[in-house]
N, C-alpha and C. Protein backbone atom coordinates (compact mmCIF):
# COMPACT_ATOMS: atom_id res chain seq x y z
N MET A 1 97.82 125.94 98.72
CA MET A 1 98.80 124.53 98.83
C MET A 1 98.57 123.38 100.31
N ALA A 2 98.71 122.82 100.63
CA ALA A 2 98.33 121.64 102.01
C ALA A 2 99.74 121.61 102.51
N ALA A 3 99.65 121.96 103.78
CA ALA A 3 100.80 121.79 104.38
C ALA A 3 100.61 119.98 105.24
N THR A 4 102.14 119.59 105.71
CA THR A 4 102.14 118.07 106.16
C THR A 4 101.88 118.41 107.37
N ASP A 5 102.22 117.59 108.47
CA ASP A 5 102.65 117.77 109.60
C ASP A 5 104.10 117.71 110.19
N ARG A 6 104.93 117.65 109.32
CA ARG A 6 105.92 117.99 109.20
C ARG A 6 106.25 119.46 108.73
N GLY A 7 105.68 120.22 108.39
CA GLY A 7 105.98 121.56 107.83
C GLY A 7 106.10 121.98 106.48
N VAL A 8 105.64 120.37 105.62
CA VAL A 8 106.57 120.75 104.33
C VAL A 8 104.95 121.07 103.13
N LYS A 9 105.08 122.00 102.56
CA LYS A 9 104.58 122.57 101.63
C LYS A 9 104.06 122.03 100.31
N ILE A 10 103.02 120.67 100.44
CA ILE A 10 102.83 120.27 98.98
C ILE A 10 101.60 120.90 98.29
N PRO A 11 101.61 121.30 96.85
CA PRO A 11 101.36 122.49 96.59
C PRO A 11 99.86 121.24 95.80
N GLU A 12 99.24 122.38 95.09
CA GLU A 12 97.90 121.96 94.46
C GLU A 12 98.52 121.79 92.74
N PHE A 13 97.86 120.38 92.38
CA PHE A 13 98.64 120.09 91.03
C PHE A 13 97.76 119.79 89.87
N GLU A 14 98.03 120.68 88.85
CA GLU A 14 97.30 120.71 87.94
C GLU A 14 97.10 118.93 86.79
N SER A 15 97.75 118.43 87.19
CA SER A 15 98.01 117.06 86.43
C SER A 15 98.47 115.88 87.19
N GLU A 16 98.30 114.93 86.69
CA GLU A 16 98.79 113.52 87.84
C GLU A 16 100.37 113.81 87.32
N THR A 17 100.52 113.72 86.17
CA THR A 17 101.52 114.15 85.48
C THR A 17 102.83 114.96 86.19
N GLN A 18 102.17 116.36 86.72
CA GLN A 18 102.62 117.20 87.48
C GLN A 18 102.79 116.65 89.19
N GLU A 19 101.77 115.99 89.08
CA GLU A 19 101.85 115.32 90.81
C GLU A 19 103.02 114.64 90.80
N ALA A 20 103.21 113.68 89.82
CA ALA A 20 103.94 112.38 89.61
C ALA A 20 105.84 113.24 89.65
N SER A 21 105.21 114.08 89.23
CA SER A 21 106.89 114.50 89.07
C SER A 21 107.87 115.17 90.41
N TRP A 22 106.39 115.61 91.00
CA TRP A 22 106.52 116.49 92.33
C TRP A 22 107.03 115.42 93.26
N TRP A 23 106.22 114.45 93.13
CA TRP A 23 106.73 113.15 94.32
C TRP A 23 108.12 112.69 93.84
N ASP A 24 108.50 112.09 92.94
CA ASP A 24 109.54 111.80 92.42
C ASP A 24 110.76 112.80 92.67
N GLU A 25 110.41 114.12 92.81
CA GLU A 25 111.71 114.77 93.01
C GLU A 25 111.73 115.17 94.28
N HIS A 26 110.75 114.75 95.23
CA HIS A 26 110.82 115.25 96.86
C HIS A 26 110.91 113.70 97.29
N LYS A 27 111.44 112.45 96.73
CA LYS A 27 111.15 111.46 97.60
C LYS A 27 111.92 111.02 98.58
N ASP A 28 113.32 111.57 98.68
CA ASP A 28 113.84 111.85 99.86
C ASP A 28 113.25 111.78 100.84
N MET A 29 112.93 113.57 100.66
CA MET A 29 112.58 113.85 101.90
C MET A 29 110.96 113.38 102.47
N VAL A 30 110.56 112.57 101.57
CA VAL A 30 108.96 111.88 102.01
C VAL A 30 109.95 110.66 102.74
N GLU A 31 110.77 109.61 102.56
CA GLU A 31 111.56 108.87 102.54
C GLU A 31 112.04 109.00 104.21
N GLU A 32 112.22 110.14 104.61
CA GLU A 32 112.81 111.12 105.68
C GLU A 32 111.75 111.36 106.64
N ASN A 33 110.45 111.40 106.21
CA ASN A 33 109.56 111.50 106.82
C ASN A 33 109.25 110.18 107.41
N LEU A 34 108.88 109.28 106.31
CA LEU A 34 108.53 107.83 106.71
C LEU A 34 109.61 107.26 108.21
N ILE A 35 110.67 107.69 107.85
CA ILE A 35 111.53 106.84 108.79
C ILE A 35 111.54 107.40 110.02
N ALA A 36 111.38 108.67 110.07
CA ALA A 36 110.98 109.68 111.30
C ALA A 36 109.75 109.17 112.13
N ALA A 37 108.98 109.45 111.15
CA ALA A 37 107.77 108.34 111.68
C ALA A 37 107.92 107.44 112.70
N MET A 38 108.14 106.49 111.61
CA MET A 38 108.45 105.21 112.04
C MET A 38 109.30 104.90 113.86
N ARG A 39 110.41 106.04 113.62
CA ARG A 39 111.47 105.85 114.88
C ARG A 39 110.47 106.62 115.63
N GLU A 40 109.51 107.25 115.40
CA GLU A 40 108.54 108.06 116.84
C GLU A 40 107.83 107.23 117.34
N GLY A 41 107.11 106.35 116.19
CA GLY A 41 105.84 105.36 116.63
C GLY A 41 104.77 106.16 116.17
N THR A 42 105.08 107.30 115.08
CA THR A 42 103.96 107.84 114.90
C THR A 42 103.45 107.20 113.77
N ALA A 43 104.00 106.24 112.61
CA ALA A 43 103.73 105.87 111.81
C ALA A 43 102.84 104.43 112.15
N GLU A 44 101.37 104.54 111.34
CA GLU A 44 100.37 103.27 111.51
C GLU A 44 100.29 102.69 110.46
N LYS A 45 100.77 101.78 110.24
CA LYS A 45 100.56 100.36 109.19
C LYS A 45 99.15 100.38 108.13
N GLY A 46 99.07 100.98 107.36
CA GLY A 46 97.73 101.38 106.06
C GLY A 46 96.79 102.45 107.19
N ASN A 47 97.50 103.63 107.46
CA ASN A 47 97.00 104.63 108.09
C ASN A 47 96.22 105.06 106.92
N ALA A 48 96.53 105.21 105.65
CA ALA A 48 96.26 106.61 104.82
C ALA A 48 95.01 105.60 103.58
N GLN A 49 95.65 104.30 103.80
CA GLN A 49 94.19 103.36 103.06
C GLN A 49 93.24 103.50 103.97
N ARG A 50 93.10 103.32 105.19
CA ARG A 50 92.05 103.16 106.01
C ARG A 50 91.12 104.08 106.36
N LEU A 51 91.72 105.50 106.69
CA LEU A 51 91.46 107.16 106.01
C LEU A 51 90.13 106.57 104.95
N ALA A 52 91.11 106.46 103.58
CA ALA A 52 90.15 107.17 102.63
C ALA A 52 89.14 105.97 102.35
N LYS A 53 89.51 104.76 103.10
CA LYS A 53 88.31 103.74 102.85
C LYS A 53 86.97 104.27 103.50
N GLU A 54 87.22 104.81 104.74
CA GLU A 54 86.11 104.91 105.81
C GLU A 54 85.79 106.36 105.20
N ALA A 55 86.29 107.24 104.18
CA ALA A 55 86.17 108.50 103.69
C ALA A 55 85.35 108.47 102.83
N ARG A 56 84.80 107.09 102.35
CA ARG A 56 83.68 107.22 101.31
C ARG A 56 82.86 105.82 101.51
N VAL A 57 81.82 105.31 101.78
CA VAL A 57 81.13 104.78 101.72
C VAL A 57 80.74 104.11 100.09
N SER A 58 80.62 102.80 99.57
CA SER A 58 80.56 102.46 98.65
C SER A 58 80.04 101.42 99.10
N LYS A 59 79.20 100.57 97.92
CA LYS A 59 78.77 99.31 97.70
C LYS A 59 78.78 98.34 96.67
N ASN A 60 78.94 97.10 96.47
CA ASN A 60 79.11 96.61 95.72
C ASN A 60 77.79 96.44 95.04
N ILE A 61 77.98 96.38 93.34
CA ILE A 61 76.79 96.27 93.33
C ILE A 61 77.73 95.42 91.83
N THR A 62 75.97 94.62 90.87
CA THR A 62 76.93 94.28 89.96
C THR A 62 76.12 94.29 88.60
N ILE A 63 76.89 95.07 87.35
CA ILE A 63 76.42 95.24 86.19
C ILE A 63 76.60 94.64 85.04
N ARG A 64 75.67 94.51 84.31
CA ARG A 64 76.33 94.09 83.02
C ARG A 64 76.63 94.76 81.60
N MET A 65 77.78 94.37 81.22
CA MET A 65 78.54 95.06 80.31
C MET A 65 78.72 94.86 79.16
N PRO A 66 78.74 94.97 77.95
CA PRO A 66 79.08 94.32 76.60
C PRO A 66 80.81 93.71 76.65
N LEU A 67 81.50 92.55 76.59
CA LEU A 67 82.81 92.49 77.12
C LEU A 67 83.57 93.23 75.77
N ALA A 68 83.35 94.26 74.66
CA ALA A 68 84.16 94.72 74.09
C ALA A 68 83.88 96.11 74.97
N ASP A 69 82.83 96.45 75.79
CA ASP A 69 83.56 98.26 76.67
C ASP A 69 84.72 97.42 77.89
N LEU A 70 84.12 96.30 78.22
CA LEU A 70 85.06 95.94 79.31
C LEU A 70 86.80 95.59 78.93
N GLU A 71 86.65 95.35 77.43
CA GLU A 71 88.35 94.93 77.45
C GLU A 71 88.65 96.17 77.13
N ARG A 72 87.93 97.07 76.58
CA ARG A 72 88.43 98.65 76.51
C ARG A 72 88.64 99.08 77.75
N ALA A 73 88.03 99.15 78.63
CA ALA A 73 88.40 99.78 80.04
C ALA A 73 89.86 98.93 80.57
N ARG A 74 89.66 97.74 80.16
CA ARG A 74 90.76 96.83 80.82
C ARG A 74 92.09 97.65 80.19
N GLN A 75 92.23 97.73 78.70
CA GLN A 75 93.66 98.41 78.24
C GLN A 75 94.04 99.59 78.34
N LEU A 76 92.18 100.80 78.13
CA LEU A 76 92.83 102.10 79.27
C LEU A 76 93.52 101.90 80.33
N SER A 77 93.22 101.47 81.02
CA SER A 77 93.79 101.26 83.06
C SER A 77 94.88 100.51 82.85
N ALA A 78 95.21 99.66 81.90
CA ALA A 78 96.87 99.33 82.00
C ALA A 78 97.38 100.33 81.57
N ARG A 79 97.12 101.02 80.61
CA ARG A 79 97.90 102.48 80.05
C ARG A 79 98.02 103.52 80.93
N LYS A 80 97.03 103.60 82.01
CA LYS A 80 97.11 104.86 82.61
C LYS A 80 97.75 104.40 84.59
N GLY A 81 97.67 102.53 84.48
CA GLY A 81 98.17 101.88 85.84
C GLY A 81 97.62 101.78 86.70
N LEU A 82 96.36 101.82 86.05
CA LEU A 82 94.99 101.46 87.22
C LEU A 82 94.70 99.98 87.17
N ALA A 83 93.56 99.86 88.19
CA ALA A 83 93.33 98.86 88.24
C ALA A 83 91.72 99.14 87.33
N TYR A 84 91.14 98.20 85.88
CA TYR A 84 90.25 98.53 85.53
C TYR A 84 88.94 98.62 86.20
N GLN A 85 88.50 98.48 87.44
CA GLN A 85 87.48 98.64 88.33
C GLN A 85 87.59 99.92 89.02
N THR A 86 88.74 100.47 89.23
CA THR A 86 88.97 102.24 89.14
C THR A 86 88.59 103.03 88.44
N LEU A 87 88.75 102.67 86.96
CA LEU A 87 89.01 103.31 86.09
C LEU A 87 87.52 103.72 85.95
N ILE A 88 86.35 102.29 85.53
CA ILE A 88 85.11 102.61 85.35
C ILE A 88 84.52 103.13 86.65
N LYS A 89 84.72 103.38 88.00
CA LYS A 89 84.57 104.13 88.70
C LYS A 89 84.56 105.43 88.91
N MET A 90 85.96 105.94 88.29
CA MET A 90 86.39 107.07 87.86
C MET A 90 85.33 107.75 86.72
N LEU A 91 84.98 107.03 85.31
CA LEU A 91 84.61 107.52 84.37
C LEU A 91 83.11 107.65 85.02
N LEU A 92 83.08 106.55 85.19
CA LEU A 92 81.10 106.66 85.55
C LEU A 92 81.20 108.44 86.86
N HIS A 93 82.07 108.04 87.84
CA HIS A 93 81.58 109.76 88.68
C HIS A 93 81.62 110.84 87.80
N GLU A 94 83.04 111.02 86.66
CA GLU A 94 82.91 111.63 85.70
C GLU A 94 81.51 112.34 84.83
N ALA A 95 80.99 110.86 84.04
CA ALA A 95 79.96 111.10 83.40
C ALA A 95 78.75 111.22 84.31
N LEU A 96 78.33 111.19 85.88
CA LEU A 96 77.93 111.73 86.63
C LEU A 96 77.51 112.73 86.68
N ASP A 97 78.78 113.60 87.21
CA ASP A 97 78.92 114.94 87.10
C ASP A 97 78.50 116.11 86.17
N ARG A 98 78.92 115.10 84.85
CA ARG A 98 78.75 116.20 83.70
C ARG A 98 77.32 115.97 83.20
N GLU A 99 76.94 114.89 83.52
CA GLU A 99 75.07 114.67 83.73
C GLU A 99 73.99 115.89 84.84
N GLU A 100 74.98 116.13 85.40
CA GLU A 100 74.19 117.08 86.28
C GLU A 100 74.68 117.99 86.36
N LYS A 101 75.49 118.81 86.14
CA LYS A 101 75.53 120.26 85.47
C LYS A 101 74.54 120.30 83.86
N ARG A 102 74.17 119.62 83.33
CA ARG A 102 73.73 119.77 82.05
C ARG A 102 72.39 119.50 82.36
N THR A 103 72.52 118.90 83.42
CA THR A 103 70.18 119.43 83.63
C THR A 103 70.47 120.43 84.78
N ASP A 104 71.19 121.01 85.57
CA ASP A 104 70.87 121.87 86.14
C ASP A 104 70.94 123.28 85.82
N ALA A 105 71.77 123.12 84.31
CA ALA A 105 71.93 124.05 83.58
C ALA A 105 70.57 124.74 82.77
């Protein structure tokens, strides 16, 4: 379990559904913590996004892919509520991990 700086325990989640349910059930607490941080001046605009961006270094690339695959990615990402480029990056990362494990075995 991870703890926030306000002492709230955030559990490890087994699925996105489980995580979404937990955050939904605790939205009042999250709102209270955010309001308190804003009053105290400790909430920073875009802080989480900035830290996430700084944590991962990336490079823009251009790739050619079949239009049918691109359309499939767009449809899948819409069902998952993600941007299609995010889904493609996630799938590529998972495929690279699988391939790496296969070649290491």
